[in-house]
């Protein structure tokens, strides 16, 4: 089992920034690809960003590309999502995710965090 705990969510104005963190425990962190998904009210959970185990490869959804940056610090067992130029459309519960291989599909995720709320006001 892997335990994932998100933090850093909150309320921010459009155009502002937030940094989400995901602390992992339970298994070897570096062996997992990590990522972020989000779910807005009335919508399906959608892919946001992913990063390979070593951090050498990153992937982003078109909606956040150029604004969000995913990173990881394997020495600290922590993964981050730096969110800049936030838009009201980014409002959602953001979920940390871990998988044995890189994936952009919810069905491919092996472990989920509990989620952290991000609200962007206009």
C-alpha atoms as a PDB file:
ATOM      1  CA  UNK A   1       0.000   0.000   0.000  1.00  0.00           C
ATOM      2  CA  UNK A   2       0.959   3.593  -0.682  1.00  0.00           C
ATOM      3  CA  UNK A   3      -0.421   6.496   1.298  1.00  0.00           C
ATOM      4  CA  UNK A   4      -0.655   9.867  -0.424  1.00  0.00           C
ATOM      5  CA  UNK A   5      -1.492  13.099   1.363  1.00  0.00           C
ATOM      6  CA  UNK A   6      -2.087  16.337  -0.515  1.00  0.00           C
ATOM      7  CA  UNK A   7      -1.688  19.806   0.895  1.00  0.00           C
ATOM      8  CA  UNK A   8      -1.479  23.383  -0.315  1.00  0.00           C
ATOM      9  CA  UNK A   9      -4.958  23.887  -1.673  1.00  0.00           C
ATOM     10  CA  UNK A  10      -6.984  26.949  -0.906  1.00  0.00           C
ATOM     11  CA  UNK A  11      -8.695  30.010  -2.283  1.00  0.00           C
ATOM     12  CA  UNK A  12      -6.875  32.245  -4.726  1.00  0.00           C
ATOM     13  CA  UNK A  13      -7.797  35.001  -7.150  1.00  0.00           C
ATOM     14  CA  UNK A  14      -7.652  34.465 -10.876  1.00  0.00           C
ATOM     15  CA  UNK A  15      -4.127  35.052 -12.081  1.00  0.00           C
ATOM     16  CA  UNK A  16      -2.649  33.961  -8.785  1.00  0.00           C
ATOM     17  CA  UNK A  17      -0.539  30.965  -7.880  1.00  0.00           C
ATOM     18  CA  UNK A  18      -0.631  27.961  -5.594  1.00  0.00           C
ATOM     19  CA  UNK A  19       1.742  25.105  -4.972  1.00  0.00           C
ATOM     20  CA  UNK A  20       0.297  21.729  -4.135  1.00  0.00           C
ATOM     21  CA  UNK A  21       2.335  19.086  -2.374  1.00  0.00           C
ATOM     22  CA  UNK A  22       1.842  15.355  -2.149  1.00  0.00           C
ATOM     23  CA  UNK A  23       3.686  13.421   0.525  1.00  0.00           C
ATOM     24  CA  UNK A  24       4.000   9.689  -0.046  1.00  0.00           C
ATOM     25  CA  UNK A  25       4.713   6.820   2.298  1.00  0.00           C
ATOM     26  CA  UNK A  26       4.403   3.057   2.451  1.00  0.00           C
ATOM     27  CA  UNK A  27       6.478   1.959  -0.540  1.00  0.00           C
ATOM     28  CA  UNK A  28       9.535   3.014  -2.508  1.00  0.00           C
ATOM     29  CA  UNK A  29       8.649   6.436  -3.857  1.00  0.00           C
ATOM     30  CA  UNK A  30      11.087   6.568  -6.750  1.00  0.00           C
ATOM     31  CA  UNK A  31       9.668   3.431  -8.340  1.00  0.00           C
ATOM     32  CA  UNK A  32       6.280   5.066  -9.015  1.00  0.00           C
ATOM     33  CA  UNK A  33       5.176   7.469 -11.642  1.00  0.00           C
ATOM     34  CA  UNK A  34       3.208  10.271 -10.023  1.00  0.00           C
ATOM     35  CA  UNK A  35       0.565  12.647 -11.178  1.00  0.00           C
ATOM     36  CA  UNK A  36      -2.284  14.990 -10.485  1.00  0.00           C
ATOM     37  CA  UNK A  37      -5.920  14.664 -11.439  1.00  0.00           C
ATOM     38  CA  UNK A  38      -8.772  16.995 -10.670  1.00  0.00           C
ATOM     39  CA  UNK A  39     -12.515  16.803 -10.417  1.00  0.00           C
ATOM     40  CA  UNK A  40     -14.890  19.741 -10.589  1.00  0.00           C
ATOM     41  CA  UNK A  41     -18.525  19.536  -9.461  1.00  0.00           C
ATOM     42  CA  UNK A  42     -20.611  17.651 -11.988  1.00  0.00           C
ATOM     43  CA  UNK A  43     -17.601  16.611 -14.038  1.00  0.00           C
ATOM     44  CA  UNK A  44     -15.533  13.485 -14.388  1.00  0.00           C
ATOM     45  CA  UNK A  45     -12.100  13.251 -12.883  1.00  0.00           C
ATOM     46  CA  UNK A  46      -9.577  14.477 -15.431  1.00  0.00           C
ATOM     47  CA  UNK A  47      -5.868  14.242 -15.949  1.00  0.00           C
ATOM     48  CA  UNK A  48      -3.775  17.295 -15.115  1.00  0.00           C
ATOM     49  CA  UNK A  49      -0.099  16.338 -15.089  1.00  0.00           C
ATOM     50  CA  UNK A  50       2.205  13.365 -14.652  1.00  0.00           C
ATOM     51  CA  UNK A  51       5.869  12.737 -14.006  1.00  0.00           C
ATOM     52  CA  UNK A  52       7.989   9.635 -14.406  1.00  0.00           C
ATOM     53  CA  UNK A  53       9.669   7.957 -11.457  1.00  0.00           C
ATOM     54  CA  UNK A  54      12.998   9.645 -12.032  1.00  0.00           C
ATOM     55  CA  UNK A  55      11.435  12.988 -12.885  1.00  0.00           C
ATOM     56  CA  UNK A  56      12.912  12.866 -16.356  1.00  0.00           C
ATOM     57  CA  UNK A  57       9.630  12.978 -18.239  1.00  0.00           C
ATOM     58  CA  UNK A  58       6.625  15.195 -17.639  1.00  0.00           C
ATOM     59  CA  UNK A  59       3.197  15.348 -19.226  1.00  0.00           C
ATOM     60  CA  UNK A  60       0.429  17.926 -19.102  1.00  0.00           C
ATOM     61  CA  UNK A  61      -3.117  18.279 -20.215  1.00  0.00           C
ATOM     62  CA  UNK A  62      -3.689  20.917 -22.861  1.00  0.00           C
ATOM     63  CA  UNK A  63      -5.723  22.998 -20.446  1.00  0.00           C
ATOM     64  CA  UNK A  64      -2.819  23.531 -18.030  1.00  0.00           C
ATOM     65  CA  UNK A  65       0.209  23.341 -20.291  1.00  0.00           C
ATOM     66  CA  UNK A  66       2.387  26.406 -19.893  1.00  0.00           C
ATOM     67  CA  UNK A  67       0.800  27.354 -16.574  1.00  0.00           C
ATOM     68  CA  UNK A  68       1.407  24.352 -14.321  1.00  0.00           C
ATOM     69  CA  UNK A  69       4.674  22.618 -13.526  1.00  0.00           C
ATOM     70  CA  UNK A  70       4.940  19.170 -11.988  1.00  0.00           C
ATOM     71  CA  UNK A  71       8.061  18.128 -10.115  1.00  0.00           C
ATOM     72  CA  UNK A  72       9.206  15.612  -7.553  1.00  0.00           C
ATOM     73  CA  UNK A  73      11.837  15.339  -4.865  1.00  0.00           C
ATOM     74  CA  UNK A  74      12.467  11.650  -4.375  1.00  0.00           C
ATOM     75  CA  UNK A  75      14.754  12.281  -1.402  1.00  0.00           C
ATOM     76  CA  UNK A  76      11.770  13.814   0.397  1.00  0.00           C
ATOM     77  CA  UNK A  77       9.149  11.427  -0.993  1.00  0.00           C
ATOM     78  CA  UNK A  78       7.231  14.458  -2.163  1.00  0.00           C
ATOM     79  CA  UNK A  79       5.679  15.539  -5.446  1.00  0.00           C
ATOM     80  CA  UNK A  80       4.591  19.063  -6.304  1.00  0.00           C
ATOM     81  CA  UNK A  81       2.329  20.929  -8.640  1.00  0.00           C
ATOM     82  CA  UNK A  82       3.173  24.581  -9.126  1.00  0.00           C
ATOM     83  CA  UNK A  83       0.096  26.309 -10.492  1.00  0.00           C
ATOM     84  CA  UNK A  84       0.488  29.760 -12.001  1.00  0.00           C
ATOM     85  CA  UNK A  85      -1.907  32.032 -13.855  1.00  0.00           C
ATOM     86  CA  UNK A  86      -4.830  30.266 -12.266  1.00  0.00           C
ATOM     87  CA  UNK A  87      -8.245  30.514 -13.865  1.00  0.00           C
ATOM     88  CA  UNK A  88     -11.719  29.963 -12.431  1.00  0.00           C
ATOM     89  CA  UNK A  89     -11.917  26.879 -14.649  1.00  0.00           C
ATOM     90  CA  UNK A  90      -9.124  25.368 -12.555  1.00  0.00           C
ATOM     91  CA  UNK A  91     -11.445  25.183  -9.558  1.00  0.00           C
ATOM     92  CA  UNK A  92     -11.671  21.548  -8.516  1.00  0.00           C
ATOM     93  CA  UNK A  93     -10.610  18.980  -5.988  1.00  0.00           C
ATOM     94  CA  UNK A  94      -7.065  18.018  -6.885  1.00  0.00           C
ATOM     95  CA  UNK A  95      -5.961  14.450  -6.291  1.00  0.00           C
ATOM     96  CA  UNK A  96      -2.456  13.125  -5.994  1.00  0.00           C
ATOM     97  CA  UNK A  97      -1.968   9.828  -7.809  1.00  0.00           C
ATOM     98  CA  UNK A  98       0.634   7.086  -8.096  1.00  0.00           C
ATOM     99  CA  UNK A  99       1.003   4.331 -10.651  1.00  0.00           C
ATOM    100  CA  UNK A 100       3.491   1.668 -11.620  1.00  0.00           C
ATOM    101  CA  UNK A 101       3.751   3.183 -15.088  1.00  0.00           C
ATOM    102  CA  UNK A 102       3.090   6.656 -16.415  1.00  0.00           C
ATOM    103  CA  UNK A 103      -0.555   7.065 -17.311  1.00  0.00           C
ATOM    104  CA  UNK A 104      -3.020   9.810 -18.144  1.00  0.00           C
ATOM    105  CA  UNK A 105      -6.026   7.620 -17.433  1.00  0.00           C
ATOM    106  CA  UNK A 106      -7.772   7.385 -14.088  1.00  0.00           C
ATOM    107  CA  UNK A 107      -8.230   3.668 -14.656  1.00  0.00           C
ATOM    108  CA  UNK A 108      -4.466   3.245 -14.672  1.00  0.00           C
ATOM    109  CA  UNK A 109      -3.913   4.775 -11.256  1.00  0.00           C
ATOM    110  CA  UNK A 110      -3.002   2.422  -8.439  1.00  0.00           C
ATOM    111  CA  UNK A 111      -3.180   4.811  -5.478  1.00  0.00           C
ATOM    112  CA  UNK A 112      -5.032   8.038  -4.764  1.00  0.00           C
ATOM    113  CA  UNK A 113      -4.732  10.772  -2.203  1.00  0.00           C
ATOM    114  CA  UNK A 114      -7.779  12.142  -0.429  1.00  0.00           C
ATOM    115  CA  UNK A 115      -7.867  15.337  -2.456  1.00  0.00           C
ATOM    116  CA  UNK A 116      -7.351  19.005  -1.715  1.00  0.00           C
ATOM    117  CA  UNK A 117      -9.714  21.779  -2.739  1.00  0.00           C
ATOM    118  CA  UNK A 118      -8.503  24.517  -5.069  1.00  0.00           C
ATOM    119  CA  UNK A 119     -10.875  27.411  -5.600  1.00  0.00           C
ATOM    120  CA  UNK A 120     -10.075  30.205  -8.028  1.00  0.00           C
ATOM    121  CA  UNK A 121     -12.249  33.277  -7.789  1.00  0.00           C
ATOM    122  CA  UNK A 122     -12.835  35.756 -10.577  1.00  0.00           C
END
